[in-house]
């Protein structure tokens, strides 16, 4: 078991089977030393989105539930990364995270929600998990998900 997977296991996290793309895109693309992961939704271990993570943040979805959804998204990002490179210890650093928040009109407290993903990747990768980030409120997301997270990693050969 890799060091990274051991950290996940210590937190009680088992990576799920990566979600298959639902349209004309790839779940990940590796080029040179970069690994780009397409946006991931907060699918649980059962492959479904918890009803608490469906809807608009600041309306149907609480900030706390949305933060938990962002954490699930980054777990699904890591599942895609494992599928791409086989061994998560090949991740040299998290370069960037992008967070998309299905926000109710006027809801602006998005950065703490995205911290659900940011804090988790730093917990797993340590200093190498510190990253650049964008957090954007949007009108809608696929499956009415509250959150979607994409990532870019530097990987070793």
Protein backbone atom coordinates (compact mmCIF):
# COMPACT_ATOMS: atom_id res chain seq x y z
CA UNK A 1 0.00 0.00 0.00
CA UNK A 2 1.36 3.44 -0.93
CA UNK A 3 2.00 6.10 1.75
CA UNK A 4 -0.83 8.17 0.33
CA UNK A 5 -3.29 5.29 0.44
CA UNK A 6 -2.17 4.51 3.99
CA UNK A 7 -3.08 8.09 4.98
CA UNK A 8 -6.47 7.65 3.34
CA UNK A 9 -7.01 4.35 5.15
CA UNK A 10 -6.02 5.93 8.47
CA UNK A 11 -8.83 8.44 7.89
CA UNK A 12 -11.26 5.62 7.08
CA UNK A 13 -11.40 6.55 3.39
CA UNK A 14 -11.56 3.91 0.68
CA UNK A 15 -11.32 5.25 -2.84
CA UNK A 16 -14.39 4.39 -4.93
CA UNK A 17 -14.40 3.17 -8.50
CA UNK A 18 -13.91 6.33 -10.57
CA UNK A 19 -17.05 7.69 -12.20
CA UNK A 20 -17.20 7.10 -15.94
CA UNK A 21 -17.56 10.18 -18.15
CA UNK A 22 -21.17 10.88 -19.10
CA UNK A 23 -20.41 12.88 -22.26
CA UNK A 24 -17.62 13.49 -24.79
CA UNK A 25 -14.69 13.98 -22.39
CA UNK A 26 -12.12 11.96 -20.46
CA UNK A 27 -12.04 11.57 -16.69
CA UNK A 28 -8.37 12.53 -16.75
CA UNK A 29 -5.58 13.48 -19.12
CA UNK A 30 -1.88 12.97 -18.38
CA UNK A 31 0.58 14.98 -20.44
CA UNK A 32 4.24 15.33 -19.59
CA UNK A 33 4.44 15.80 -15.83
CA UNK A 34 0.87 17.08 -15.49
CA UNK A 35 -2.26 15.15 -14.62
CA UNK A 36 -5.54 16.99 -15.14
CA UNK A 37 -8.66 15.53 -13.54
CA UNK A 38 -12.07 16.46 -14.95
CA UNK A 39 -14.66 17.88 -12.57
CA UNK A 40 -15.90 15.33 -10.07
CA UNK A 41 -19.25 15.31 -8.31
CA UNK A 42 -19.81 14.23 -4.68
CA UNK A 43 -20.75 10.64 -5.43
CA UNK A 44 -20.72 8.42 -2.36
CA UNK A 45 -19.46 4.85 -2.15
CA UNK A 46 -22.83 3.69 -3.53
CA UNK A 47 -22.30 5.76 -6.70
CA UNK A 48 -25.10 8.17 -5.80
CA UNK A 49 -25.23 11.75 -4.60
CA UNK A 50 -26.58 12.08 -1.07
CA UNK A 51 -29.80 14.15 -1.06
CA UNK A 52 -28.06 16.53 1.39
CA UNK A 53 -25.66 17.41 -1.46
CA UNK A 54 -28.31 18.15 -4.07
CA UNK A 55 -29.53 21.68 -4.71
CA UNK A 56 -28.32 25.21 -4.18
CA UNK A 57 -25.94 26.18 -1.40
CA UNK A 58 -27.65 28.77 0.76
CA UNK A 59 -31.10 27.38 -0.07
CA UNK A 60 -31.64 23.58 -0.02
CA UNK A 61 -28.02 22.79 0.93
CA UNK A 62 -26.34 24.08 4.08
CA UNK A 63 -22.77 25.36 4.00
CA UNK A 64 -21.78 22.44 6.24
CA UNK A 65 -23.31 19.86 3.86
CA UNK A 66 -21.71 21.61 0.87
CA UNK A 67 -18.29 21.48 2.56
CA UNK A 68 -18.80 17.73 3.08
CA UNK A 69 -19.75 17.45 -0.61
CA UNK A 70 -16.51 19.21 -1.59
CA UNK A 71 -14.60 16.65 0.49
CA UNK A 72 -16.35 13.83 -1.37
CA UNK A 73 -15.50 15.49 -4.67
CA UNK A 74 -11.78 15.50 -3.84
CA UNK A 75 -11.97 11.85 -2.81
CA UNK A 76 -13.40 11.16 -6.27
CA UNK A 77 -10.61 13.28 -7.80
CA UNK A 78 -8.10 11.02 -6.03
CA UNK A 79 -9.91 7.94 -7.36
CA UNK A 80 -9.46 9.30 -10.89
CA UNK A 81 -5.80 10.07 -10.15
CA UNK A 82 -5.23 6.50 -8.97
CA UNK A 83 -6.85 5.18 -12.15
CA UNK A 84 -4.57 7.46 -14.17
CA UNK A 85 -1.20 6.78 -12.53
CA UNK A 86 -1.72 3.57 -10.56
CA UNK A 87 0.20 4.72 -7.48
CA UNK A 88 -0.88 7.91 -5.70
CA UNK A 89 2.68 8.33 -4.42
CA UNK A 90 3.50 9.47 -7.97
CA UNK A 91 1.72 12.73 -7.16
CA UNK A 92 4.50 15.26 -6.60
CA UNK A 93 2.16 18.09 -5.72
CA UNK A 94 -1.35 19.43 -6.16
CA UNK A 95 -0.92 22.36 -8.55
CA UNK A 96 -4.49 23.65 -8.70
CA UNK A 97 -8.05 22.95 -7.60
CA UNK A 98 -11.11 24.42 -9.25
CA UNK A 99 -14.38 24.47 -7.35
CA UNK A 100 -17.80 25.10 -8.82
CA UNK A 101 -20.57 25.86 -6.36
CA UNK A 102 -24.28 25.62 -7.20
CA UNK A 103 -25.03 28.77 -5.23
CA UNK A 104 -28.36 30.41 -4.47
CA UNK A 105 -28.59 33.98 -5.75
CA UNK A 106 -26.71 36.25 -3.39
CA UNK A 107 -24.86 33.44 -1.61
CA UNK A 108 -21.22 34.55 -1.49
CA UNK A 109 -19.65 32.52 1.33
CA UNK A 110 -18.09 30.06 -1.13
CA UNK A 111 -14.43 29.86 0.00
CA UNK A 112 -15.19 28.00 3.28
CA UNK A 113 -17.22 25.46 1.29
CA UNK A 114 -14.27 24.81 -1.04
CA UNK A 115 -12.07 24.33 2.01
CA UNK A 116 -13.72 20.90 2.30
CA UNK A 117 -11.65 19.89 -0.73
CA UNK A 118 -8.59 22.03 -0.01
CA UNK A 119 -8.22 20.95 3.61
CA UNK A 120 -8.58 17.28 2.69
CA UNK A 121 -5.95 17.34 -0.08
CA UNK A 122 -3.52 19.06 2.30
CA UNK A 123 -4.32 16.47 4.99
CA UNK A 124 -3.45 13.70 2.51
CA UNK A 125 -0.48 15.21 0.66
CA UNK A 126 0.93 17.48 3.37
CA UNK A 127 2.83 20.52 2.11
CA UNK A 128 2.66 19.07 -1.44
CA UNK A 129 -1.12 19.44 -1.21
CA UNK A 130 -0.99 23.24 -0.94
CA UNK A 131 -2.32 24.57 -4.24
CA UNK A 132 -3.58 27.46 -6.31
CA UNK A 133 -7.37 27.59 -6.40
CA UNK A 134 -10.43 29.08 -8.01
CA UNK A 135 -13.87 28.93 -6.43
CA UNK A 136 -16.78 29.99 -8.61
CA UNK A 137 -20.49 30.25 -7.90
CA UNK A 138 -22.58 28.91 -10.79
CA UNK A 139 -26.28 28.79 -11.65
CA UNK A 140 -26.48 25.01 -12.16
CA UNK A 141 -24.34 21.85 -11.99
CA UNK A 142 -24.87 18.35 -13.44
CA UNK A 143 -27.43 16.27 -11.54
CA UNK A 144 -28.21 19.41 -9.49
CA UNK A 145 -25.10 18.68 -7.43
CA UNK A 146 -24.17 21.35 -4.90
CA UNK A 147 -20.44 21.13 -5.72
CA UNK A 148 -18.05 20.00 -8.45
CA UNK A 149 -14.24 19.95 -8.09
CA UNK A 150 -11.51 19.60 -10.73
CA UNK A 151 -7.76 19.28 -10.17
CA UNK A 152 -4.32 19.50 -11.68
CA UNK A 153 -1.39 17.56 -10.26
CA UNK A 154 2.30 17.36 -11.00
CA UNK A 155 3.29 13.69 -11.27
CA UNK A 156 6.58 11.82 -11.38
CA UNK A 157 7.56 9.52 -14.24
